[in-house]
mmCIF file of all heavy atoms, coordinates in Angstrom:
data_MODEL
# 
_entry.id   MODEL 
# 
loop_
_atom_site.group_PDB 
_atom_site.id 
_atom_site.type_symbol 
_atom_site.label_atom_id 
_atom_site.label_alt_id 
_atom_site.label_comp_id 
_atom_site.label_asym_id 
_atom_site.label_entity_id 
_atom_site.label_seq_id 
_atom_site.pdbx_PDB_ins_code 
_atom_site.Cartn_x 
_atom_site.Cartn_y 
_atom_site.Cartn_z 
_atom_site.occupancy 
_atom_site.B_iso_or_equiv 
_atom_site.pdbx_formal_charge 
_atom_site.auth_seq_id 
_atom_site.auth_comp_id 
_atom_site.auth_asym_id 
_atom_site.auth_atom_id 
_atom_site.pdbx_PDB_model_num 
ATOM 1   N N   . LEU A 1 1  ? 85.125  104.301 36.383 1.00 0.00 ? 1  LEU A N   1 
ATOM 2   C CA  . LEU A 1 1  ? 86.271  103.661 37.035 1.00 0.00 ? 1  LEU A CA  1 
ATOM 3   C C   . LEU A 1 1  ? 86.677  104.373 38.324 1.00 0.00 ? 1  LEU A C   1 
ATOM 4   O O   . LEU A 1 1  ? 87.246  103.751 39.222 1.00 0.00 ? 1  LEU A O   1 
ATOM 5   C CB  . LEU A 1 1  ? 87.476  103.625 36.087 1.00 0.00 ? 1  LEU A CB  1 
ATOM 6   C CG  . LEU A 1 1  ? 87.311  102.848 34.788 1.00 0.00 ? 1  LEU A CG  1 
ATOM 7   C CD1 . LEU A 1 1  ? 88.575  102.965 33.949 1.00 0.00 ? 1  LEU A CD1 1 
ATOM 8   C CD2 . LEU A 1 1  ? 86.969  101.404 35.055 1.00 0.00 ? 1  LEU A CD2 1 
ATOM 9   N N   . ALA A 1 2  ? 86.440  105.687 38.414 1.00 0.00 ? 2  ALA A N   1 
ATOM 10  C CA  . ALA A 1 2  ? 86.815  106.442 39.613 1.00 0.00 ? 2  ALA A CA  1 
ATOM 11  C C   . ALA A 1 2  ? 85.912  107.666 39.719 1.00 0.00 ? 2  ALA A C   1 
ATOM 12  O O   . ALA A 1 2  ? 85.504  108.239 38.713 1.00 0.00 ? 2  ALA A O   1 
ATOM 13  C CB  . ALA A 1 2  ? 88.277  106.873 39.547 1.00 0.00 ? 2  ALA A CB  1 
ATOM 14  N N   . SER A 1 3  ? 85.611  108.052 40.962 1.00 0.00 ? 3  SER A N   1 
ATOM 15  C CA  . SER A 1 3  ? 84.784  109.235 41.178 1.00 0.00 ? 3  SER A CA  1 
ATOM 16  C C   . SER A 1 3  ? 85.192  109.931 42.470 1.00 0.00 ? 3  SER A C   1 
ATOM 17  O O   . SER A 1 3  ? 85.926  109.374 43.280 1.00 0.00 ? 3  SER A O   1 
ATOM 18  C CB  . SER A 1 3  ? 83.301  108.849 41.237 1.00 0.00 ? 3  SER A CB  1 
ATOM 19  O OG  . SER A 1 3  ? 83.048  108.048 42.360 1.00 0.00 ? 3  SER A OG  1 
ATOM 20  N N   . ARG A 1 4  ? 84.712  111.162 42.603 1.00 0.00 ? 4  ARG A N   1 
ATOM 21  C CA  . ARG A 1 4  ? 84.915  111.955 43.819 1.00 0.00 ? 4  ARG A CA  1 
ATOM 22  C C   . ARG A 1 4  ? 83.620  112.659 44.136 1.00 0.00 ? 4  ARG A C   1 
ATOM 23  O O   . ARG A 1 4  ? 82.764  112.840 43.272 1.00 0.00 ? 4  ARG A O   1 
ATOM 24  C CB  . ARG A 1 4  ? 85.993  113.019 43.605 1.00 0.00 ? 4  ARG A CB  1 
ATOM 25  C CG  . ARG A 1 4  ? 87.386  112.470 43.585 1.00 0.00 ? 4  ARG A CG  1 
ATOM 26  C CD  . ARG A 1 4  ? 88.390  113.571 43.531 1.00 0.00 ? 4  ARG A CD  1 
ATOM 27  N NE  . ARG A 1 4  ? 88.170  114.495 44.638 1.00 0.00 ? 4  ARG A NE  1 
ATOM 28  C CZ  . ARG A 1 4  ? 88.863  115.599 44.811 1.00 0.00 ? 4  ARG A CZ  1 
ATOM 29  N NH1 . ARG A 1 4  ? 89.790  115.936 43.961 1.00 0.00 ? 4  ARG A NH1 1 
ATOM 30  N NH2 . ARG A 1 4  ? 88.622  116.390 45.819 1.00 0.00 ? 4  ARG A NH2 1 
ATOM 31  N N   . GLU A 1 5  ? 83.495  113.079 45.357 1.00 0.00 ? 5  GLU A N   1 
ATOM 32  C CA  . GLU A 1 5  ? 82.275  113.763 45.773 1.00 0.00 ? 5  GLU A CA  1 
ATOM 33  C C   . GLU A 1 5  ? 82.031  115.039 44.967 1.00 0.00 ? 5  GLU A C   1 
ATOM 34  O O   . GLU A 1 5  ? 80.910  115.324 44.571 1.00 0.00 ? 5  GLU A O   1 
ATOM 35  C CB  . GLU A 1 5  ? 82.370  114.091 47.268 1.00 0.00 ? 5  GLU A CB  1 
ATOM 36  C CG  . GLU A 1 5  ? 81.079  114.584 47.858 1.00 0.00 ? 5  GLU A CG  1 
ATOM 37  C CD  . GLU A 1 5  ? 81.186  114.762 49.361 1.00 0.00 ? 5  GLU A CD  1 
ATOM 38  O OE1 . GLU A 1 5  ? 81.506  113.782 50.045 1.00 0.00 ? 5  GLU A OE1 1 
ATOM 39  O OE2 . GLU A 1 5  ? 80.941  115.881 49.816 1.00 0.00 ? 5  GLU A OE2 1 
ATOM 40  N N   . ASN A 1 6  ? 83.082  115.815 44.710 1.00 0.00 ? 6  ASN A N   1 
ATOM 41  C CA  . ASN A 1 6  ? 82.904  117.091 44.015 1.00 0.00 ? 6  ASN A CA  1 
ATOM 42  C C   . ASN A 1 6  ? 82.943  116.966 42.489 1.00 0.00 ? 6  ASN A C   1 
ATOM 43  O O   . ASN A 1 6  ? 82.716  117.942 41.784 1.00 0.00 ? 6  ASN A O   1 
ATOM 44  C CB  . ASN A 1 6  ? 83.921  118.119 44.490 1.00 0.00 ? 6  ASN A CB  1 
ATOM 45  C CG  . ASN A 1 6  ? 85.339  117.781 44.057 1.00 0.00 ? 6  ASN A CG  1 
ATOM 46  O OD1 . ASN A 1 6  ? 85.642  116.623 43.761 1.00 0.00 ? 6  ASN A OD1 1 
ATOM 47  N ND2 . ASN A 1 6  ? 86.207  118.769 44.031 1.00 0.00 ? 6  ASN A ND2 1 
ATOM 48  N N   . CYS A 1 7  ? 83.246  115.780 41.976 1.00 0.00 ? 7  CYS A N   1 
ATOM 49  C CA  . CYS A 1 7  ? 83.272  115.549 40.527 1.00 0.00 ? 7  CYS A CA  1 
ATOM 50  C C   . CYS A 1 7  ? 83.007  114.069 40.303 1.00 0.00 ? 7  CYS A C   1 
ATOM 51  O O   . CYS A 1 7  ? 83.912  113.249 40.416 1.00 0.00 ? 7  CYS A O   1 
ATOM 52  C CB  . CYS A 1 7  ? 84.614  115.964 39.932 1.00 0.00 ? 7  CYS A CB  1 
ATOM 53  S SG  . CYS A 1 7  ? 84.726  115.699 38.158 1.00 0.00 ? 7  CYS A SG  1 
ATOM 54  N N   . ARG A 1 8  ? 81.779  113.745 39.984 1.00 0.00 ? 8  ARG A N   1 
ATOM 55  C CA  . ARG A 1 8  ? 81.369  112.340 39.921 1.00 0.00 ? 8  ARG A CA  1 
ATOM 56  C C   . ARG A 1 8  ? 82.212  111.508 38.973 1.00 0.00 ? 8  ARG A C   1 
ATOM 57  O O   . ARG A 1 8  ? 82.624  110.412 39.300 1.00 0.00 ? 8  ARG A O   1 
ATOM 58  C CB  . ARG A 1 8  ? 79.900  112.253 39.530 1.00 0.00 ? 8  ARG A CB  1 
ATOM 59  C CG  . ARG A 1 8  ? 79.450  110.829 39.303 1.00 0.00 ? 8  ARG A CG  1 
ATOM 60  C CD  . ARG A 1 8  ? 77.996  110.619 39.472 1.00 0.00 ? 8  ARG A CD  1 
ATOM 61  N NE  . ARG A 1 8  ? 77.425  109.478 38.801 1.00 0.00 ? 8  ARG A NE  1 
ATOM 62  C CZ  . ARG A 1 8  ? 77.860  108.228 38.825 1.00 0.00 ? 8  ARG A CZ  1 
ATOM 63  N NH1 . ARG A 1 8  ? 78.939  107.923 39.474 1.00 0.00 ? 8  ARG A NH1 1 
ATOM 64  N NH2 . ARG A 1 8  ? 77.231  107.257 38.194 1.00 0.00 ? 8  ARG A NH2 1 
ATOM 65  N N   . VAL A 1 9  ? 82.488  111.985 37.782 1.00 0.00 ? 9  VAL A N   1 
ATOM 66  C CA  . VAL A 1 9  ? 83.215  111.194 36.785 1.00 0.00 ? 9  VAL A CA  1 
ATOM 67  C C   . VAL A 1 9  ? 84.686  111.627 36.762 1.00 0.00 ? 9  VAL A C   1 
ATOM 68  O O   . VAL A 1 9  ? 85.040  112.643 36.174 1.00 0.00 ? 9  VAL A O   1 
ATOM 69  C CB  . VAL A 1 9  ? 82.582  111.331 35.381 1.00 0.00 ? 9  VAL A CB  1 
ATOM 70  C CG1 . VAL A 1 9  ? 83.336  110.486 34.373 1.00 0.00 ? 9  VAL A CG1 1 
ATOM 71  C CG2 . VAL A 1 9  ? 81.112  110.943 35.412 1.00 0.00 ? 9  VAL A CG2 1 
ATOM 72  N N   . GLN A 1 10 ? 85.539  110.870 37.430 1.00 0.00 ? 10 GLN A N   1 
ATOM 73  C CA  . GLN A 1 10 ? 86.975  111.135 37.434 1.00 0.00 ? 10 GLN A CA  1 
ATOM 74  C C   . GLN A 1 10 ? 87.706  110.307 36.381 1.00 0.00 ? 10 GLN A C   1 
ATOM 75  O O   . GLN A 1 10 ? 88.681  110.756 35.814 1.00 0.00 ? 10 GLN A O   1 
ATOM 76  C CB  . GLN A 1 10 ? 87.571  110.841 38.811 1.00 0.00 ? 10 GLN A CB  1 
ATOM 77  C CG  . GLN A 1 10 ? 87.241  111.871 39.855 1.00 0.00 ? 10 GLN A CG  1 
ATOM 78  C CD  . GLN A 1 10 ? 87.982  113.160 39.638 1.00 0.00 ? 10 GLN A CD  1 
ATOM 79  O OE1 . GLN A 1 10 ? 89.130  113.197 39.222 1.00 0.00 ? 10 GLN A OE1 1 
ATOM 80  N NE2 . GLN A 1 10 ? 87.322  114.258 39.922 1.00 0.00 ? 10 GLN A NE2 1 
ATOM 81  N N   . MET A 1 11 ? 87.240  109.085 36.160 1.00 0.00 ? 11 MET A N   1 
ATOM 82  C CA  . MET A 1 11 ? 87.861  108.215 35.166 1.00 0.00 ? 11 MET A CA  1 
ATOM 83  C C   . MET A 1 11 ? 86.792  107.277 34.633 1.00 0.00 ? 11 MET A C   1 
ATOM 84  O O   . MET A 1 11 ? 85.957  106.787 35.382 1.00 0.00 ? 11 MET A O   1 
ATOM 85  C CB  . MET A 1 11 ? 89.004  107.416 35.799 1.00 0.00 ? 11 MET A CB  1 
ATOM 86  C CG  . MET A 1 11 ? 89.750  106.510 34.837 1.00 0.00 ? 11 MET A CG  1 
ATOM 87  S SD  . MET A 1 11 ? 91.105  105.612 35.646 1.00 0.00 ? 11 MET A SD  1 
ATOM 88  C CE  . MET A 1 11 ? 92.375  106.855 35.599 1.00 0.00 ? 11 MET A CE  1 
ATOM 89  N N   . LEU A 1 12 ? 86.808  107.056 33.305 1.00 0.00 ? 12 LEU A N   1 
ATOM 90  C CA  . LEU A 1 12 ? 85.841  106.149 32.695 1.00 0.00 ? 12 LEU A CA  1 
ATOM 91  C C   . LEU A 1 12 ? 86.495  105.350 31.588 1.00 0.00 ? 12 LEU A C   1 
ATOM 92  O O   . LEU A 1 12 ? 87.587  105.671 31.134 1.00 0.00 ? 12 LEU A O   1 
ATOM 93  C CB  . LEU A 1 12 ? 84.609  106.906 32.184 1.00 0.00 ? 12 LEU A CB  1 
ATOM 94  C CG  . LEU A 1 12 ? 84.756  108.143 31.314 1.00 0.00 ? 12 LEU A CG  1 
ATOM 95  C CD1 . LEU A 1 12 ? 85.203  107.831 29.917 1.00 0.00 ? 12 LEU A CD1 1 
ATOM 96  C CD2 . LEU A 1 12 ? 83.440  108.876 31.269 1.00 0.00 ? 12 LEU A CD2 1 
ATOM 97  N N   . ALA A 1 13 ? 85.811  104.274 31.188 1.00 0.00 ? 13 ALA A N   1 
ATOM 98  C CA  . ALA A 1 13 ? 86.309  103.400 30.124 1.00 0.00 ? 13 ALA A CA  1 
ATOM 99  C C   . ALA A 1 13 ? 85.134  102.950 29.269 1.00 0.00 ? 13 ALA A C   1 
ATOM 100 O O   . ALA A 1 13 ? 84.038  102.715 29.778 1.00 0.00 ? 13 ALA A O   1 
ATOM 101 C CB  . ALA A 1 13 ? 87.002  102.178 30.713 1.00 0.00 ? 13 ALA A CB  1 
ATOM 102 N N   . HIS A 1 14 ? 85.392  102.833 27.984 1.00 0.00 ? 14 HIS A N   1 
ATOM 103 C CA  . HIS A 1 14 ? 84.377  102.296 27.089 1.00 0.00 ? 14 HIS A CA  1 
ATOM 104 C C   . HIS A 1 14 ? 84.213  100.816 27.394 1.00 0.00 ? 14 HIS A C   1 
ATOM 105 O O   . HIS A 1 14 ? 85.176  100.133 27.752 1.00 0.00 ? 14 HIS A O   1 
ATOM 106 C CB  . HIS A 1 14 ? 84.788  102.505 25.628 1.00 0.00 ? 14 HIS A CB  1 
ATOM 107 C CG  . HIS A 1 14 ? 83.678  102.268 24.662 1.00 0.00 ? 14 HIS A CG  1 
ATOM 108 N ND1 . HIS A 1 14 ? 83.409  101.020 24.143 1.00 0.00 ? 14 HIS A ND1 1 
ATOM 109 C CD2 . HIS A 1 14 ? 82.757  103.114 24.146 1.00 0.00 ? 14 HIS A CD2 1 
ATOM 110 C CE1 . HIS A 1 14 ? 82.376  101.112 23.323 1.00 0.00 ? 14 HIS A CE1 1 
ATOM 111 N NE2 . HIS A 1 14 ? 81.961  102.369 23.312 1.00 0.00 ? 14 HIS A NE2 1 
ATOM 112 N N   . GLU A 1 15 ? 83.003  100.302 27.258 1.00 0.00 ? 15 GLU A N   1 
ATOM 113 C CA  . GLU A 1 15 ? 82.726  98.910  27.618 1.00 0.00 ? 15 GLU A CA  1 
ATOM 114 C C   . GLU A 1 15 ? 83.362  97.896  26.671 1.00 0.00 ? 15 GLU A C   1 
ATOM 115 O O   . GLU A 1 15 ? 83.670  96.776  27.076 1.00 0.00 ? 15 GLU A O   1 
ATOM 116 C CB  . GLU A 1 15 ? 81.220  98.686  27.706 1.00 0.00 ? 15 GLU A CB  1 
ATOM 117 C CG  . GLU A 1 15 ? 80.605  99.428  28.871 1.00 0.00 ? 15 GLU A CG  1 
ATOM 118 C CD  . GLU A 1 15 ? 79.096  99.344  28.914 1.00 0.00 ? 15 GLU A CD  1 
ATOM 119 O OE1 . GLU A 1 15 ? 78.476  98.909  27.920 1.00 0.00 ? 15 GLU A OE1 1 
ATOM 120 O OE2 . GLU A 1 15 ? 78.536  99.738  29.947 1.00 0.00 ? 15 GLU A OE2 1 
ATOM 121 N N   . SER A 1 16 ? 83.579  98.265  25.397 1.00 0.00 ? 16 SER A N   1 
ATOM 122 C CA  . SER A 1 16 ? 84.110  97.276  24.454 1.00 0.00 ? 16 SER A CA  1 
ATOM 123 C C   . SER A 1 16 ? 85.275  97.782  23.601 1.00 0.00 ? 16 SER A C   1 
ATOM 124 O O   . SER A 1 16 ? 85.917  96.989  22.937 1.00 0.00 ? 16 SER A O   1 
ATOM 125 C CB  . SER A 1 16 ? 82.991  96.782  23.533 1.00 0.00 ? 16 SER A CB  1 
ATOM 126 O OG  . SER A 1 16 ? 82.471  97.856  22.777 1.00 0.00 ? 16 SER A OG  1 
ATOM 127 N N   . ARG A 1 17 ? 85.552  99.050  23.635 1.00 0.00 ? 17 ARG A N   1 
ATOM 128 C CA  . ARG A 1 17 ? 86.647  99.612  22.833 1.00 0.00 ? 17 ARG A CA  1 
ATOM 129 C C   . ARG A 1 17 ? 87.729  100.163 23.749 1.00 0.00 ? 17 ARG A C   1 
ATOM 130 O O   . ARG A 1 17 ? 87.445  100.530 24.895 1.00 0.00 ? 17 ARG A O   1 
ATOM 131 C CB  . ARG A 1 17 ? 86.113  100.717 21.922 1.00 0.00 ? 17 ARG A CB  1 
ATOM 132 C CG  . ARG A 1 17 ? 85.049  100.180 20.954 1.00 0.00 ? 17 ARG A CG  1 
ATOM 133 C CD  . ARG A 1 17 ? 84.466  101.257 20.106 1.00 0.00 ? 17 ARG A CD  1 
ATOM 134 N NE  . ARG A 1 17 ? 85.480  101.739 19.183 1.00 0.00 ? 17 ARG A NE  1 
ATOM 135 C CZ  . ARG A 1 17 ? 85.356  102.838 18.464 1.00 0.00 ? 17 ARG A CZ  1 
ATOM 136 N NH1 . ARG A 1 17 ? 84.277  103.577 18.553 1.00 0.00 ? 17 ARG A NH1 1 
ATOM 137 N NH2 . ARG A 1 17 ? 86.311  103.212 17.649 1.00 0.00 ? 17 ARG A NH2 1 
ATOM 138 N N   . PRO A 1 18 ? 88.961  100.272 23.286 1.00 0.00 ? 18 PRO A N   1 
ATOM 139 C CA  . PRO A 1 18 ? 90.043  100.794 24.132 1.00 0.00 ? 18 PRO A CA  1 
ATOM 140 C C   . PRO A 1 18 ? 90.031  102.320 24.206 1.00 0.00 ? 18 PRO A C   1 
ATOM 141 O O   . PRO A 1 18 ? 90.929  103.009 23.724 1.00 0.00 ? 18 PRO A O   1 
ATOM 142 C CB  . PRO A 1 18 ? 91.306  100.260 23.451 1.00 0.00 ? 18 PRO A CB  1 
ATOM 143 C CG  . PRO A 1 18 ? 90.922  100.174 22.008 1.00 0.00 ? 18 PRO A CG  1 
ATOM 144 C CD  . PRO A 1 18 ? 89.453  99.787  22.004 1.00 0.00 ? 18 PRO A CD  1 
ATOM 145 N N   . ILE A 1 19 ? 88.961  102.867 24.795 1.00 0.00 ? 19 ILE A N   1 
ATOM 146 C CA  . ILE A 1 19 ? 88.809  104.313 24.960 1.00 0.00 ? 19 ILE A CA  1 
ATOM 147 C C   . ILE A 1 19 ? 88.655  104.596 26.447 1.00 0.00 ? 19 ILE A C   1 
ATOM 148 O O   . ILE A 1 19 ? 87.800  104.021 27.115 1.00 0.00 ? 19 ILE A O   1 
ATOM 149 C CB  . ILE A 1 19 ? 87.564  104.833 24.197 1.00 0.00 ? 19 ILE A CB  1 
ATOM 150 C CG1 . ILE A 1 19 ? 87.681  104.514 22.705 1.00 0.00 ? 19 ILE A CG1 1 
ATOM 151 C CG2 . ILE A 1 19 ? 87.386  106.324 24.430 1.00 0.00 ? 19 ILE A CG2 1 
ATOM 152 C CD1 . ILE A 1 19 ? 86.416  104.799 21.918 1.00 0.00 ? 19 ILE A CD1 1 
ATOM 153 N N   . PHE A 1 20 ? 89.504  105.491 26.959 1.00 0.00 ? 20 PHE A N   1 
ATOM 154 C CA  . PHE A 1 20 ? 89.514  105.835 28.371 1.00 0.00 ? 20 PHE A CA  1 
ATOM 155 C C   . PHE A 1 20 ? 89.555  107.348 28.518 1.00 0.00 ? 20 PHE A C   1 
ATOM 156 O O   . PHE A 1 20 ? 90.011  108.046 27.615 1.00 0.00 ? 20 PHE A O   1 
ATOM 157 C CB  . PHE A 1 20 ? 90.746  105.250 29.076 1.00 0.00 ? 20 PHE A CB  1 
ATOM 158 C CG  . PHE A 1 20 ? 90.821  103.756 28.973 1.00 0.00 ? 20 PHE A CG  1 
ATOM 159 C CD1 . PHE A 1 20 ? 91.412  103.149 27.882 1.00 0.00 ? 20 PHE A CD1 1 
ATOM 160 C CD2 . PHE A 1 20 ? 90.282  102.963 29.968 1.00 0.00 ? 20 PHE A CD2 1 
ATOM 161 C CE1 . PHE A 1 20 ? 91.480  101.774 27.770 1.00 0.00 ? 20 PHE A CE1 1 
ATOM 162 C CE2 . PHE A 1 20 ? 90.348  101.584 29.876 1.00 0.00 ? 20 PHE A CE2 1 
ATOM 163 C CZ  . PHE A 1 20 ? 90.943  100.992 28.780 1.00 0.00 ? 20 PHE A CZ  1 
ATOM 164 N N   . GLY A 1 21 ? 89.111  107.854 29.658 1.00 0.00 ? 21 GLY A N   1 
ATOM 165 C CA  . GLY A 1 21 ? 89.194  109.282 29.920 1.00 0.00 ? 21 GLY A CA  1 
ATOM 166 C C   . GLY A 1 21 ? 89.385  109.548 31.393 1.00 0.00 ? 21 GLY A C   1 
ATOM 167 O O   . GLY A 1 21 ? 88.941  108.772 32.241 1.00 0.00 ? 21 GLY A O   1 
ATOM 168 N N   . THR A 1 22 ? 90.083  110.647 31.697 1.00 0.00 ? 22 THR A N   1 
ATOM 169 C CA  . THR A 1 22 ? 90.260  111.069 33.087 1.00 0.00 ? 22 THR A CA  1 
ATOM 170 C C   . THR A 1 22 ? 89.947  112.547 33.207 1.00 0.00 ? 22 THR A C   1 
ATOM 171 O O   . THR A 1 22 ? 90.149  113.314 32.276 1.00 0.00 ? 22 THR A O   1 
ATOM 172 C CB  . THR A 1 22 ? 91.706  110.844 33.595 1.00 0.00 ? 22 THR A CB  1 
ATOM 173 O OG1 . THR A 1 22 ? 92.596  111.688 32.870 1.00 0.00 ? 22 THR A OG1 1 
ATOM 174 C CG2 . THR A 1 22 ? 92.138  109.413 33.479 1.00 0.00 ? 22 THR A CG2 1 
ATOM 175 N N   . GLN A 1 23 ? 89.468  112.950 34.355 1.00 0.00 ? 23 GLN A N   1 
ATOM 176 C CA  . GLN A 1 23 ? 89.255  114.364 34.665 1.00 0.00 ? 23 GLN A CA  1 
ATOM 177 C C   . GLN A 1 23 ? 90.519  114.942 35.282 1.00 0.00 ? 23 GLN A C   1 
ATOM 178 O O   . GLN A 1 23 ? 90.805  116.101 35.140 1.00 0.00 ? 23 GLN A O   1 
ATOM 179 C CB  . GLN A 1 23 ? 88.072  114.515 35.634 1.00 0.00 ? 23 GLN A CB  1 
ATOM 180 C CG  . GLN A 1 23 ? 87.850  115.921 36.142 1.00 0.00 ? 23 GLN A CG  1 
ATOM 181 C CD  . GLN A 1 23 ? 87.417  116.902 35.065 1.00 0.00 ? 23 GLN A CD  1 
ATOM 182 O OE1 . GLN A 1 23 ? 86.803  116.515 34.089 1.00 0.00 ? 23 GLN A OE1 1 
ATOM 183 N NE2 . GLN A 1 23 ? 87.742  118.156 35.235 1.00 0.00 ? 23 GLN A NE2 1 
ATOM 184 N N   . PHE A 1 24 ? 91.275  114.106 35.958 1.00 0.00 ? 24 PHE A N   1 
ATOM 185 C CA  . PHE A 1 24 ? 92.492  114.566 36.623 1.00 0.00 ? 24 PHE A CA  1 
ATOM 186 C C   . PHE A 1 24 ? 93.704  114.318 35.724 1.00 0.00 ? 24 PHE A C   1 
ATOM 187 O O   . PHE A 1 24 ? 93.603  113.692 34.679 1.00 0.00 ? 24 PHE A O   1 
ATOM 188 C CB  . PHE A 1 24 ? 92.661  113.882 37.987 1.00 0.00 ? 24 PHE A CB  1 
ATOM 189 C CG  . PHE A 1 24 ? 92.868  112.393 37.904 1.00 0.00 ? 24 PHE A CG  1 
ATOM 190 C CD1 . PHE A 1 24 ? 94.146  111.865 37.938 1.00 0.00 ? 24 PHE A CD1 1 
ATOM 191 C CD2 . PHE A 1 24 ? 91.793  111.529 37.798 1.00 0.00 ? 24 PHE A CD2 1 
ATOM 192 C CE1 . PHE A 1 24 ? 94.340  110.494 37.860 1.00 0.00 ? 24 PHE A CE1 1 
ATOM 193 C CE2 . PHE A 1 24 ? 91.979  110.164 37.730 1.00 0.00 ? 24 PHE A CE2 1 
ATOM 194 C CZ  . PHE A 1 24 ? 93.257  109.649 37.754 1.00 0.00 ? 24 PHE A CZ  1 
ATOM 195 N N   . HIS A 1 25 ? 94.847  114.845 36.128 1.00 0.00 ? 25 HIS A N   1 
ATOM 196 C CA  . HIS A 1 25 ? 96.075  114.749 35.334 1.00 0.00 ? 25 HIS A CA  1 
ATOM 197 C C   . HIS A 1 25 ? 97.124  113.916 36.065 1.00 0.00 ? 25 HIS A C   1 
ATOM 198 O O   . HIS A 1 25 ? 97.933  114.454 36.813 1.00 0.00 ? 25 HIS A O   1 
ATOM 199 C CB  . HIS A 1 25 ? 96.622  116.160 35.059 1.00 0.00 ? 25 HIS A CB  1 
ATOM 200 C CG  . HIS A 1 25 ? 95.723  116.976 34.211 1.00 0.00 ? 25 HIS A CG  1 
ATOM 201 N ND1 . HIS A 1 25 ? 95.829  116.992 32.851 1.00 0.00 ? 25 HIS A ND1 1 
ATOM 202 C CD2 . HIS A 1 25 ? 94.675  117.770 34.523 1.00 0.00 ? 25 HIS A CD2 1 
ATOM 203 C CE1 . HIS A 1 25 ? 94.899  117.778 32.345 1.00 0.00 ? 25 HIS A CE1 1 
ATOM 204 N NE2 . HIS A 1 25 ? 94.184  118.256 33.338 1.00 0.00 ? 25 HIS A NE2 1 
ATOM 205 N N   . PRO A 1 26 ? 97.129  112.595 35.853 1.00 0.00 ? 26 PRO A N   1 
ATOM 206 C CA  . PRO A 1 26 ? 98.110  111.762 36.561 1.00 0.00 ? 26 PRO A CA  1 
ATOM 207 C C   . PRO A 1 26 ? 99.554  112.119 36.198 1.00 0.00 ? 26 PRO A C   1 
ATOM 208 O O   . PRO A 1 26 ? 100.452 111.945 37.018 1.00 0.00 ? 26 PRO A O   1 
ATOM 209 C CB  . PRO A 1 26 ? 97.758  110.338 36.133 1.00 0.00 ? 26 PRO A CB  1 
ATOM 210 C CG  . PRO A 1 26 ? 96.932  110.473 34.914 1.00 0.00 ? 26 PRO A CG  1 
ATOM 211 C CD  . PRO A 1 26 ? 96.259  111.807 34.998 1.00 0.00 ? 26 PRO A CD  1 
# 
């Protein structure tokens, strides 16, 4: 869902389940 040059995976989501993750702290 989101990426940065120094950290490719900033935010991701499961394709079919309500599971999400972030590297940063909103």
